Amino acid sequence: DMEAVIQIDLSGDDGGEWTLLVKDRTLSVTTGTNADADMTMSLRASDWLEIANGNVNSIALFMQGKIHVTGDIRLAMKMQTMFDLSG
């Protein structure tokens, strides 16, 4: 029952900007930015890959200052379970 717009900004090699739309239990991903994002998460592309591969815990990276979040911080915490980013 959640609806959210999430902006992911990845820096470094293979970086870029993506918008994730969560609505009606589905996820849509588009390239580029969204001015209406509920939350923006910024990190290095290499760190995102490590999270996606389950090699590192995203909370640990956040605590180390390697992930920066603006907007709805609660949404960032929900991403742990929505996308299984526990590492």
N, C-alpha and C. Protein backbone atom coordinates (compact mmCIF):
# COMPACT_ATOMS: atom_id res chain seq x y z
N ASP A 1 0.83 -1.19 0.00
CA ASP A 1 0.00 0.00 0.00
C ASP A 1 0.87 1.25 0.00
N MET A 2 2.11 1.09 -0.37
CA MET A 2 3.04 2.20 -0.32
C MET A 2 3.21 2.82 -1.70
N GLU A 3 3.38 4.13 -1.72
CA GLU A 3 3.69 4.84 -2.95
C GLU A 3 4.85 5.78 -2.66
N ALA A 4 5.91 5.68 -3.47
CA ALA A 4 7.08 6.51 -3.21
C ALA A 4 7.86 6.75 -4.49
N VAL A 5 8.52 7.90 -4.55
CA VAL A 5 9.45 8.23 -5.63
C VAL A 5 10.83 8.35 -4.99
N ILE A 6 11.76 7.52 -5.45
CA ILE A 6 13.10 7.46 -4.88
C ILE A 6 14.10 7.82 -5.96
N GLN A 7 14.97 8.75 -5.64
CA GLN A 7 16.03 9.18 -6.55
C GLN A 7 17.33 8.51 -6.11
N ILE A 8 18.00 7.82 -7.03
CA ILE A 8 19.30 7.21 -6.74
C ILE A 8 20.34 7.92 -7.60
N ASP A 9 21.32 8.52 -6.95
CA ASP A 9 22.41 9.21 -7.64
C ASP A 9 23.71 8.46 -7.36
N LEU A 10 24.27 7.86 -8.41
CA LEU A 10 25.50 7.08 -8.27
C LEU A 10 26.65 7.83 -8.91
N SER A 11 27.75 7.97 -8.17
CA SER A 11 28.93 8.67 -8.67
C SER A 11 30.01 7.67 -9.04
N GLY A 12 31.01 8.14 -9.77
CA GLY A 12 32.14 7.29 -10.14
C GLY A 12 31.88 6.53 -11.43
N ASP A 13 32.76 5.57 -11.71
CA ASP A 13 32.63 4.75 -12.91
C ASP A 13 31.27 4.07 -12.93
N ASP A 14 30.62 4.09 -14.09
CA ASP A 14 29.29 3.48 -14.30
C ASP A 14 28.20 4.15 -13.47
N GLY A 15 28.45 5.37 -13.02
CA GLY A 15 27.45 6.09 -12.24
C GLY A 15 26.35 6.65 -13.12
N GLY A 16 25.42 7.32 -12.49
CA GLY A 16 24.31 7.93 -13.21
C GLY A 16 23.19 8.26 -12.24
N GLU A 17 22.07 8.66 -12.78
CA GLU A 17 20.92 9.03 -11.96
C GLU A 17 19.71 8.21 -12.40
N TRP A 18 19.01 7.66 -11.43
CA TRP A 18 17.83 6.85 -11.71
C TRP A 18 16.70 7.25 -10.77
N THR A 19 15.49 7.09 -11.27
CA THR A 19 14.30 7.33 -10.47
C THR A 19 13.56 6.01 -10.32
N LEU A 20 13.25 5.65 -9.07
CA LEU A 20 12.48 4.45 -8.77
C LEU A 20 11.09 4.89 -8.33
N LEU A 21 10.07 4.35 -8.98
CA LEU A 21 8.69 4.62 -8.60
C LEU A 21 8.10 3.34 -8.02
N VAL A 22 7.71 3.40 -6.77
CA VAL A 22 7.07 2.26 -6.09
C VAL A 22 5.60 2.60 -5.97
N LYS A 23 4.76 1.77 -6.61
CA LYS A 23 3.33 2.03 -6.59
C LYS A 23 2.58 0.73 -6.86
N ASP A 24 1.54 0.48 -6.09
CA ASP A 24 0.70 -0.70 -6.27
C ASP A 24 1.53 -1.99 -6.30
N ARG A 25 2.51 -2.06 -5.40
CA ARG A 25 3.37 -3.24 -5.23
C ARG A 25 4.22 -3.55 -6.46
N THR A 26 4.48 -2.51 -7.28
CA THR A 26 5.35 -2.69 -8.44
C THR A 26 6.45 -1.63 -8.40
N LEU A 27 7.54 -1.92 -9.09
CA LEU A 27 8.68 -1.02 -9.16
C LEU A 27 8.92 -0.67 -10.62
N SER A 28 9.00 0.62 -10.91
CA SER A 28 9.37 1.11 -12.23
C SER A 28 10.66 1.91 -12.08
N VAL A 29 11.60 1.69 -12.98
CA VAL A 29 12.88 2.39 -12.93
C VAL A 29 13.07 3.15 -14.24
N THR A 30 13.42 4.43 -14.13
CA THR A 30 13.72 5.24 -15.31
C THR A 30 15.04 5.96 -15.07
N THR A 31 15.70 6.31 -16.14
CA THR A 31 16.94 7.09 -16.00
C THR A 31 16.58 8.55 -15.81
N GLY A 32 17.47 9.26 -15.17
CA GLY A 32 17.27 10.69 -14.95
C GLY A 32 16.78 11.00 -13.56
N THR A 33 16.51 12.27 -13.35
CA THR A 33 16.11 12.74 -12.03
C THR A 33 14.61 13.03 -11.98
N ASN A 34 14.10 13.15 -10.77
CA ASN A 34 12.70 13.50 -10.55
C ASN A 34 12.65 14.56 -9.46
N ALA A 35 12.20 15.74 -9.81
CA ALA A 35 12.16 16.86 -8.86
C ALA A 35 11.20 16.60 -7.70
N ASP A 36 10.28 15.65 -7.86
CA ASP A 36 9.29 15.35 -6.82
C ASP A 36 9.67 14.15 -5.97
N ALA A 37 10.94 13.75 -5.99
CA ALA A 37 11.36 12.56 -5.23
C ALA A 37 11.10 12.75 -3.74
N ASP A 38 10.61 11.68 -3.10
CA ASP A 38 10.39 11.69 -1.66
C ASP A 38 11.70 11.58 -0.91
N MET A 39 12.68 10.93 -1.55
CA MET A 39 13.97 10.72 -0.93
C MET A 39 15.02 10.60 -2.02
N THR A 40 16.20 11.12 -1.75
CA THR A 40 17.34 10.97 -2.66
C THR A 40 18.46 10.27 -1.91
N MET A 41 19.00 9.24 -2.54
CA MET A 41 20.12 8.50 -1.97
C MET A 41 21.31 8.66 -2.91
N SER A 42 22.44 9.10 -2.35
CA SER A 42 23.65 9.32 -3.14
C SER A 42 24.77 8.44 -2.59
N LEU A 43 25.45 7.75 -3.50
CA LEU A 43 26.58 6.91 -3.13
C LEU A 43 27.38 6.57 -4.37
N ARG A 44 28.53 5.95 -4.18
CA ARG A 44 29.36 5.53 -5.31
C ARG A 44 28.72 4.32 -5.99
N ALA A 45 28.86 4.26 -7.30
CA ALA A 45 28.31 3.14 -8.06
C ALA A 45 28.91 1.82 -7.58
N SER A 46 30.18 1.83 -7.25
CA SER A 46 30.83 0.60 -6.78
C SER A 46 30.24 0.12 -5.45
N ASP A 47 29.85 1.06 -4.58
CA ASP A 47 29.21 0.67 -3.31
C ASP A 47 27.81 0.10 -3.57
N TRP A 48 27.07 0.71 -4.52
CA TRP A 48 25.74 0.20 -4.87
C TRP A 48 25.85 -1.24 -5.38
N LEU A 49 26.84 -1.51 -6.20
CA LEU A 49 27.05 -2.85 -6.73
C LEU A 49 27.36 -3.84 -5.61
N GLU A 50 28.17 -3.41 -4.64
CA GLU A 50 28.47 -4.28 -3.50
C GLU A 50 27.21 -4.60 -2.69
N ILE A 51 26.33 -3.60 -2.53
CA ILE A 51 25.06 -3.83 -1.83
C ILE A 51 24.20 -4.80 -2.62
N ALA A 52 24.05 -4.55 -3.91
CA ALA A 52 23.20 -5.38 -4.76
C ALA A 52 23.67 -6.83 -4.80
N ASN A 53 24.98 -7.03 -4.72
CA ASN A 53 25.53 -8.39 -4.74
C ASN A 53 25.53 -9.04 -3.37
N GLY A 54 25.09 -8.31 -2.34
CA GLY A 54 25.04 -8.88 -1.00
C GLY A 54 26.38 -8.95 -0.31
N ASN A 55 27.36 -8.19 -0.80
CA ASN A 55 28.71 -8.24 -0.24
C ASN A 55 28.93 -7.28 0.92
N VAL A 56 28.01 -6.32 1.09
CA VAL A 56 28.18 -5.32 2.14
C VAL A 56 26.80 -4.92 2.65
N ASN A 57 26.74 -4.53 3.90
CA ASN A 57 25.49 -4.11 4.52
C ASN A 57 25.29 -2.62 4.28
N SER A 58 24.14 -2.27 3.74
CA SER A 58 23.87 -0.87 3.42
C SER A 58 23.82 0.03 4.66
N ILE A 59 23.37 -0.51 5.78
CA ILE A 59 23.35 0.29 7.01
C ILE A 59 24.78 0.61 7.45
N ALA A 60 25.68 -0.34 7.30
CA ALA A 60 27.08 -0.10 7.64
C ALA A 60 27.65 1.01 6.77
N LEU A 61 27.35 0.98 5.48
CA LEU A 61 27.84 2.05 4.59
C LEU A 61 27.25 3.39 4.98
N PHE A 62 25.98 3.41 5.36
CA PHE A 62 25.35 4.66 5.80
C PHE A 62 26.04 5.19 7.05
N MET A 63 26.30 4.30 8.01
CA MET A 63 26.96 4.71 9.25
C MET A 63 28.39 5.20 9.00
N GLN A 64 29.03 4.69 7.96
CA GLN A 64 30.38 5.12 7.60
C GLN A 64 30.38 6.41 6.78
N GLY A 65 29.20 6.94 6.47
CA GLY A 65 29.09 8.15 5.69
C GLY A 65 29.25 7.95 4.19
N LYS A 66 29.14 6.71 3.73
CA LYS A 66 29.30 6.43 2.30
C LYS A 66 27.98 6.49 1.55
N ILE A 67 26.87 6.54 2.28
CA ILE A 67 25.56 6.73 1.68
C ILE A 67 24.98 8.00 2.29
N HIS A 68 24.54 8.90 1.43
CA HIS A 68 23.94 10.17 1.87
C HIS A 68 22.48 10.17 1.47
N VAL A 69 21.63 10.50 2.42
CA VAL A 69 20.19 10.50 2.19
C VAL A 69 19.63 11.89 2.49
N THR A 70 18.81 12.39 1.57
CA THR A 70 18.07 13.61 1.82
C THR A 70 16.59 13.30 1.60
N GLY A 71 15.77 13.99 2.34
CA GLY A 71 14.33 13.73 2.24
C GLY A 71 13.89 12.77 3.33
N ASP A 72 12.99 11.88 3.01
CA ASP A 72 12.35 10.97 3.96
C ASP A 72 13.30 9.84 4.37
N ILE A 73 13.99 10.01 5.49
CA ILE A 73 14.95 9.00 5.98
C ILE A 73 14.25 7.69 6.31
N ARG A 74 12.98 7.76 6.72
CA ARG A 74 12.23 6.53 7.01
C ARG A 74 12.08 5.68 5.76
N LEU A 75 11.96 6.31 4.63
CA LEU A 75 11.86 5.59 3.36
C LEU A 75 13.16 4.84 3.07
N ALA A 76 14.28 5.46 3.38
CA ALA A 76 15.57 4.79 3.20
C ALA A 76 15.64 3.52 4.05
N MET A 77 15.13 3.58 5.27
CA MET A 77 15.14 2.41 6.13
C MET A 77 14.19 1.33 5.59
N LYS A 78 13.07 1.72 5.01
CA LYS A 78 12.13 0.76 4.44
C LYS A 78 12.73 0.05 3.23
N MET A 79 13.67 0.72 2.54
CA MET A 79 14.29 0.09 1.38
C MET A 79 15.00 -1.20 1.76
N GLN A 80 15.47 -1.28 3.00
CA GLN A 80 16.13 -2.50 3.49
C GLN A 80 15.28 -3.73 3.23
N THR A 81 13.99 -3.62 3.55
CA THR A 81 13.10 -4.78 3.39
C THR A 81 12.42 -4.81 2.02
N MET A 82 12.13 -3.64 1.45
CA MET A 82 11.47 -3.62 0.14
C MET A 82 12.32 -4.28 -0.92
N PHE A 83 13.64 -4.04 -0.89
CA PHE A 83 14.54 -4.53 -1.92
C PHE A 83 15.57 -5.52 -1.39
N ASP A 84 15.41 -5.98 -0.16
CA ASP A 84 16.35 -6.92 0.47
C ASP A 84 17.79 -6.43 0.33
N LEU A 85 18.07 -5.27 0.91
CA LEU A 85 19.41 -4.67 0.85
C LEU A 85 20.20 -4.89 2.11
N SER A 86 19.91 -5.96 2.82
CA SER A 86 20.54 -6.18 4.12
C SER A 86 22.00 -6.61 4.00
N GLY A 87 22.41 -7.18 2.88
CA GLY A 87 23.80 -7.53 2.67
C GLY A 87 24.30 -8.65 3.50
